[in-house]
């Protein structure tokens, strides 16, 4: 300028704005609340996933066992694959021989897997009975194509009982119950078939079930019969008749018994019930 003075240059506006923004960011710092919330959500999700993995492991393990046992599924060319299972015992029994609820049968096996039985079957649609059930009702369920897992309550651990339950709960034509005095920890029954075992993890358990449960090839007498509960007055699964641990007395029915007059014919295949003509009804037997 004319007076020789020099005008002071001002600071550019964009530099000032950038500086202010930098200052604001510095004052805000790290959003710790958000970080903590995200970490908490991730930890919760991890915990839920871990819990699911742990809790579902037994079911996933059982599903794998059943998949492996599928090789024992029956077919027209192989009607009874159970015959290839090591240790299995088979016998031939006459079906549809009924006794009254007051009568007992002197069975030839323990647990029995065939022979005369009560006129009412034990409900067998995937039921785990917490207490031992009257044998004569359980045998009738076998006649309908059921597999019965019996176990000695003094020899099988709670963990093994839980593992066995996974093979039964909610699965049609399968039942499970304690059987006091059983000579092995575990015994599997299907009509005319039995397999006794010592280990709840034995793969033969699933092989037995795959081969014999609802096998349609005539390995049990009443193909197509029901497993539904008959209800109070016949067989109530919520209050089943109890197991009798005493030895059957002299009036118990023998294995070649022909049936009691007044006992009902089987209702499981959809037919009407009718009396079975045979010998007169005996008094209550032990």
Protein backbone atom coordinates (compact mmCIF):
# COMPACT_ATOMS: atom_id res chain seq x y z
CA UNK A 1 0.00 0.00 0.00
CA UNK A 2 0.93 3.71 -0.29
CA UNK A 3 1.76 4.11 3.35
CA UNK A 4 4.08 1.09 3.13
CA UNK A 5 2.19 -1.00 5.64
CA UNK A 6 1.60 -4.69 4.91
CA UNK A 7 -1.85 -6.28 5.41
CA UNK A 8 -1.75 -9.31 7.71
CA UNK A 9 -2.84 -12.44 5.99
CA UNK A 10 -5.78 -14.25 7.65
CA UNK A 11 -5.99 -17.99 8.43
CA UNK A 12 -7.91 -19.89 5.75
CA UNK A 13 -11.46 -20.79 6.85
CA UNK A 14 -11.12 -24.44 5.82
CA UNK A 15 -8.13 -24.93 8.07
CA UNK A 16 -10.02 -23.45 11.00
CA UNK A 17 -12.98 -25.80 10.41
CA UNK A 18 -10.74 -28.86 10.21
CA UNK A 19 -9.07 -27.88 13.44
CA UNK A 20 -12.40 -27.52 15.18
CA UNK A 21 -13.57 -30.93 13.95
CA UNK A 22 -10.36 -32.54 15.15
CA UNK A 23 -10.88 -30.99 18.53
CA UNK A 24 -14.45 -32.29 18.74
CA UNK A 25 -13.36 -35.83 17.85
CA UNK A 26 -10.65 -35.68 20.44
CA UNK A 27 -13.13 -34.57 23.07
CA UNK A 28 -15.61 -37.40 22.16
CA UNK A 29 -13.03 -40.19 22.61
CA UNK A 30 -13.82 -43.96 22.26
CA UNK A 31 -17.57 -44.83 22.65
CA UNK A 32 -17.03 -47.27 25.51
CA UNK A 33 -20.73 -47.75 26.16
CA UNK A 34 -21.28 -49.03 22.65
CA UNK A 35 -18.19 -51.23 22.82
CA UNK A 36 -19.31 -52.77 26.10
CA UNK A 37 -22.82 -53.37 24.77
CA UNK A 38 -21.49 -55.12 21.67
CA UNK A 39 -19.15 -57.26 23.73
CA UNK A 40 -22.02 -58.20 26.07
CA UNK A 41 -24.25 -59.21 23.15
CA UNK A 42 -21.49 -61.32 21.63
CA UNK A 43 -20.79 -62.97 24.98
CA UNK A 44 -24.49 -63.75 25.45
CA UNK A 45 -24.76 -65.19 21.96
CA UNK A 46 -21.67 -67.31 22.57
CA UNK A 47 -23.08 -68.54 25.85
CA UNK A 48 -26.43 -69.46 24.30
CA UNK A 49 -24.69 -71.29 21.46
CA UNK A 50 -22.39 -73.10 23.87
CA UNK A 51 -25.34 -74.10 26.06
CA UNK A 52 -27.19 -75.44 23.02
CA UNK A 53 -24.16 -77.45 21.92
CA UNK A 54 -23.75 -79.00 25.36
CA UNK A 55 -27.44 -79.68 25.96
CA UNK A 56 -28.14 -81.06 22.50
CA UNK A 57 -25.09 -83.31 22.42
CA UNK A 58 -26.89 -86.41 23.80
CA UNK A 59 -29.70 -86.05 21.26
CA UNK A 60 -27.27 -85.57 18.42
CA UNK A 61 -25.30 -88.60 19.60
CA UNK A 62 -28.49 -90.69 19.71
CA UNK A 63 -29.45 -89.56 16.21
CA UNK A 64 -26.05 -90.71 14.97
CA UNK A 65 -26.53 -94.12 16.62
CA UNK A 66 -29.93 -94.53 15.00
CA UNK A 67 -28.49 -93.62 11.62
CA UNK A 68 -25.80 -96.27 12.04
CA UNK A 69 -28.43 -98.85 13.09
CA UNK A 70 -30.43 -98.25 9.92
CA UNK A 71 -28.43 -101.11 8.39
CA UNK A 72 -30.59 -103.41 10.54
CA UNK A 73 -33.90 -102.18 9.14
CA UNK A 74 -36.04 -105.15 8.01
CA UNK A 75 -36.88 -105.77 4.37
CA UNK A 76 -38.65 -108.37 2.27
CA UNK A 77 -35.33 -110.04 1.54
CA UNK A 78 -34.16 -109.80 5.15
CA UNK A 79 -37.32 -110.03 7.28
CA UNK A 80 -35.56 -110.39 10.64
CA UNK A 81 -32.14 -108.70 10.70
CA UNK A 82 -31.97 -109.15 14.48
CA UNK A 83 -30.85 -112.73 13.94
CA UNK A 84 -27.43 -111.31 13.03
CA UNK A 85 -27.06 -109.47 16.33
CA UNK A 86 -24.55 -111.26 18.58
CA UNK A 87 -26.10 -112.56 21.80
CA UNK A 88 -29.74 -112.47 20.75
CA UNK A 89 -32.05 -115.22 22.04
CA UNK A 90 -35.19 -116.25 20.13
CA UNK A 91 -38.16 -118.47 21.01
CA UNK A 92 -41.52 -119.23 19.45
CA UNK A 93 -44.68 -118.31 21.39
CA UNK A 94 -48.39 -118.56 20.65
CA UNK A 95 -50.11 -115.20 20.53
CA UNK A 96 -53.55 -113.95 21.65
CA UNK A 97 -53.72 -116.02 24.85
CA UNK A 98 -55.23 -113.78 27.51
CA UNK A 99 -55.61 -113.85 31.27
CA UNK A 100 -57.55 -111.61 33.64
CA UNK A 101 -56.04 -108.73 35.65
CA UNK A 102 -56.31 -110.89 38.78
CA UNK A 103 -54.28 -113.74 37.29
CA UNK A 104 -50.56 -114.32 36.96
CA UNK A 105 -48.46 -116.24 34.46
CA UNK A 106 -45.52 -118.47 35.38
CA UNK A 107 -43.23 -117.20 32.65
CA UNK A 108 -40.30 -119.23 31.39
CA UNK A 109 -38.02 -116.19 31.01
CA UNK A 110 -37.21 -113.11 33.09
CA UNK A 111 -38.11 -110.65 31.78
CA UNK A 112 -40.55 -112.59 29.62
CA UNK A 113 -40.75 -111.96 25.90
CA UNK A 114 -43.81 -113.96 24.92
CA UNK A 115 -46.54 -116.24 26.20
CA UNK A 116 -49.95 -115.74 27.84
CA UNK A 117 -50.58 -112.18 28.94
CA UNK A 118 -53.16 -109.77 30.28
CA UNK A 119 -56.15 -108.85 28.13
CA UNK A 120 -55.03 -105.16 28.25
CA UNK A 121 -51.73 -104.07 26.77
CA UNK A 122 -49.40 -101.57 28.40
CA UNK A 123 -49.53 -98.24 26.59
CA UNK A 124 -46.48 -98.32 24.36
CA UNK A 125 -46.22 -95.11 22.36
CA UNK A 126 -42.80 -94.02 23.52
CA UNK A 127 -43.47 -94.18 27.25
CA UNK A 128 -40.83 -94.37 29.98
CA UNK A 129 -42.41 -95.83 33.10
CA UNK A 130 -40.63 -94.59 36.23
CA UNK A 131 -41.72 -97.64 38.24
CA UNK A 132 -41.87 -101.33 37.41
CA UNK A 133 -45.11 -102.36 35.68
CA UNK A 134 -47.08 -105.60 35.86
CA UNK A 135 -45.35 -108.06 33.58
CA UNK A 136 -48.49 -109.52 32.00
CA UNK A 137 -49.42 -106.10 30.57
CA UNK A 138 -45.94 -105.45 29.25
CA UNK A 139 -45.87 -108.77 27.40
CA UNK A 140 -49.12 -107.88 25.65
CA UNK A 141 -47.43 -104.74 24.30
CA UNK A 142 -44.74 -106.95 22.75
CA UNK A 143 -47.46 -108.81 20.85
CA UNK A 144 -48.25 -105.50 19.11
CA UNK A 145 -44.71 -104.99 17.80
CA UNK A 146 -43.25 -103.09 20.74
CA UNK A 147 -39.66 -103.13 21.95
CA UNK A 148 -39.38 -103.08 25.75
CA UNK A 149 -36.19 -101.84 27.40
CA UNK A 150 -35.96 -103.20 30.94
CA UNK A 151 -33.17 -102.27 33.32
CA UNK A 152 -32.02 -103.21 36.80
CA UNK A 153 -32.46 -100.03 38.86
CA UNK A 154 -29.65 -101.01 41.23
CA UNK A 155 -27.10 -101.58 38.44
CA UNK A 156 -27.77 -98.81 35.92
CA UNK A 157 -26.61 -95.27 36.70
CA UNK A 158 -28.81 -92.20 36.41
CA UNK A 159 -26.73 -91.05 33.43
CA UNK A 160 -27.28 -94.37 31.65
CA UNK A 161 -31.01 -94.26 32.40
CA UNK A 162 -31.11 -90.83 30.76
CA UNK A 163 -29.26 -92.19 27.72
CA UNK A 164 -31.72 -95.07 27.41
CA UNK A 165 -34.68 -92.70 27.70
CA UNK A 166 -33.57 -90.94 24.52
CA UNK A 167 -34.18 -94.21 22.66
CA UNK A 168 -37.77 -94.36 23.92
CA UNK A 169 -39.35 -90.98 24.69
CA UNK A 170 -42.03 -90.14 22.14
CA UNK A 171 -41.09 -93.02 19.83
CA UNK A 172 -44.06 -95.26 18.94
CA UNK A 173 -43.94 -98.92 19.87
CA UNK A 174 -41.22 -98.45 22.44
CA UNK A 175 -41.43 -98.67 26.24
CA UNK A 176 -38.98 -98.66 29.11
CA UNK A 177 -39.24 -99.55 32.77
CA UNK A 178 -37.18 -100.73 35.72
CA UNK A 179 -37.25 -104.47 36.34
CA UNK A 180 -36.16 -105.34 39.88
CA UNK A 181 -34.01 -108.46 40.19
CA UNK A 182 -32.91 -108.46 36.55
CA UNK A 183 -29.81 -110.66 36.18
CA UNK A 184 -28.12 -108.18 33.80
CA UNK A 185 -28.11 -104.39 33.89
CA UNK A 186 -30.18 -104.11 30.69
CA UNK A 187 -32.53 -106.44 28.83
CA UNK A 188 -34.29 -105.79 25.51
CA UNK A 189 -37.50 -107.61 24.64
CA UNK A 190 -39.50 -107.96 21.45
CA UNK A 191 -42.01 -110.75 20.88
CA UNK A 192 -39.94 -113.94 20.69
CA UNK A 193 -36.65 -112.04 20.96
CA UNK A 194 -34.40 -111.00 23.83
CA UNK A 195 -30.97 -109.43 24.20
CA UNK A 196 -29.27 -108.89 27.57
CA UNK A 197 -26.47 -106.35 27.90
CA UNK A 198 -24.22 -104.71 30.45
CA UNK A 199 -23.57 -101.34 28.80
CA UNK A 200 -26.12 -98.62 27.96
CA UNK A 201 -23.77 -97.44 25.20
CA UNK A 202 -23.74 -100.80 23.42
CA UNK A 203 -24.69 -100.20 19.74
CA UNK A 204 -26.61 -103.47 19.71
CA UNK A 205 -29.42 -101.68 21.57
CA UNK A 206 -30.14 -99.49 18.56
CA UNK A 207 -29.62 -102.42 16.19
CA UNK A 208 -32.23 -104.44 18.11
CA UNK A 209 -34.74 -101.57 18.00
CA UNK A 210 -34.17 -100.92 14.30
CA UNK A 211 -34.64 -104.59 13.45
CA UNK A 212 -37.69 -105.40 15.54
CA UNK A 213 -39.77 -102.34 16.43
CA UNK A 214 -42.95 -102.51 14.30
CA UNK A 215 -41.27 -105.02 12.02
CA UNK A 216 -43.96 -105.73 9.38
CA UNK A 217 -42.66 -109.17 8.40
CA UNK A 218 -44.56 -111.35 10.83
CA UNK A 219 -42.05 -111.49 13.67
CA UNK A 220 -44.86 -110.66 16.13
CA UNK A 221 -48.49 -111.89 16.10
CA UNK A 222 -50.57 -108.73 15.69
CA UNK A 223 -49.22 -106.54 12.92
CA UNK A 224 -51.19 -103.29 12.78
CA UNK A 225 -52.38 -103.45 16.38
CA UNK A 226 -52.56 -100.27 18.45
CA UNK A 227 -50.22 -99.04 21.13
CA UNK A 228 -52.54 -96.30 22.39
CA UNK A 229 -53.50 -96.16 26.06
CA UNK A 230 -56.73 -97.96 26.92
CA UNK A 231 -57.38 -95.73 29.93
CA UNK A 232 -58.73 -96.20 33.46
CA UNK A 233 -60.41 -99.55 34.08
CA UNK A 234 -58.17 -101.30 31.51
CA UNK A 235 -54.65 -99.88 31.48
CA UNK A 236 -53.96 -96.37 32.69
CA UNK A 237 -50.37 -95.28 31.90
CA UNK A 238 -50.59 -92.64 34.63
CA UNK A 239 -51.45 -95.31 37.19
CA UNK A 240 -50.35 -98.66 35.76
CA UNK A 241 -50.71 -101.94 37.64
CA UNK A 242 -47.55 -102.53 39.67
CA UNK A 243 -44.92 -105.18 39.15
CA UNK A 244 -45.20 -108.18 41.48
CA UNK A 245 -41.70 -109.32 42.52
CA UNK A 246 -42.91 -112.47 44.29
CA UNK A 247 -42.66 -115.89 42.71
CA UNK A 248 -45.89 -116.96 40.97
CA UNK A 249 -47.86 -119.45 43.07
CA UNK A 250 -49.37 -122.83 42.14
CA UNK A 251 -52.44 -121.25 40.53
CA UNK A 252 -50.38 -119.15 38.10
CA UNK A 253 -51.00 -119.94 34.45
CA UNK A 254 -48.43 -122.07 32.65
CA UNK A 255 -46.79 -121.21 29.35
CA UNK A 256 -49.08 -123.64 27.51
CA UNK A 257 -52.23 -122.10 28.98
CA UNK A 258 -55.03 -121.56 26.44
CA UNK A 259 -56.70 -118.47 27.88
CA UNK A 260 -59.31 -117.57 30.48
CA UNK A 261 -63.06 -117.43 29.87
CA UNK A 262 -64.16 -113.85 30.31
CA UNK A 263 -60.87 -112.36 29.18
CA UNK A 264 -61.39 -110.06 26.22
CA UNK A 265 -60.10 -110.74 22.75
CA UNK A 266 -57.51 -108.29 21.51
CA UNK A 267 -58.90 -104.90 20.50
CA UNK A 268 -55.63 -103.55 19.15
CA UNK A 269 -56.17 -104.33 15.47
CA UNK A 270 -59.46 -102.53 15.32
CA UNK A 271 -61.77 -105.49 15.84
CA UNK A 272 -64.56 -105.70 18.38
CA UNK A 273 -63.69 -107.39 21.61
CA UNK A 274 -65.16 -110.78 22.40
CA UNK A 275 -64.70 -113.37 25.13
CA UNK A 276 -62.05 -116.00 24.55
CA UNK A 277 -63.57 -119.47 24.97
CA UNK A 278 -61.42 -121.53 27.28
CA UNK A 279 -61.21 -122.81 30.80
CA UNK A 280 -63.28 -121.25 33.61
CA UNK A 281 -61.99 -118.18 35.39
CA UNK A 282 -59.74 -119.01 38.31
CA UNK A 283 -59.62 -117.09 41.60
CA UNK A 284 -56.90 -114.45 42.02
CA UNK A 285 -53.52 -116.13 41.73
CA UNK A 286 -50.07 -115.37 43.08
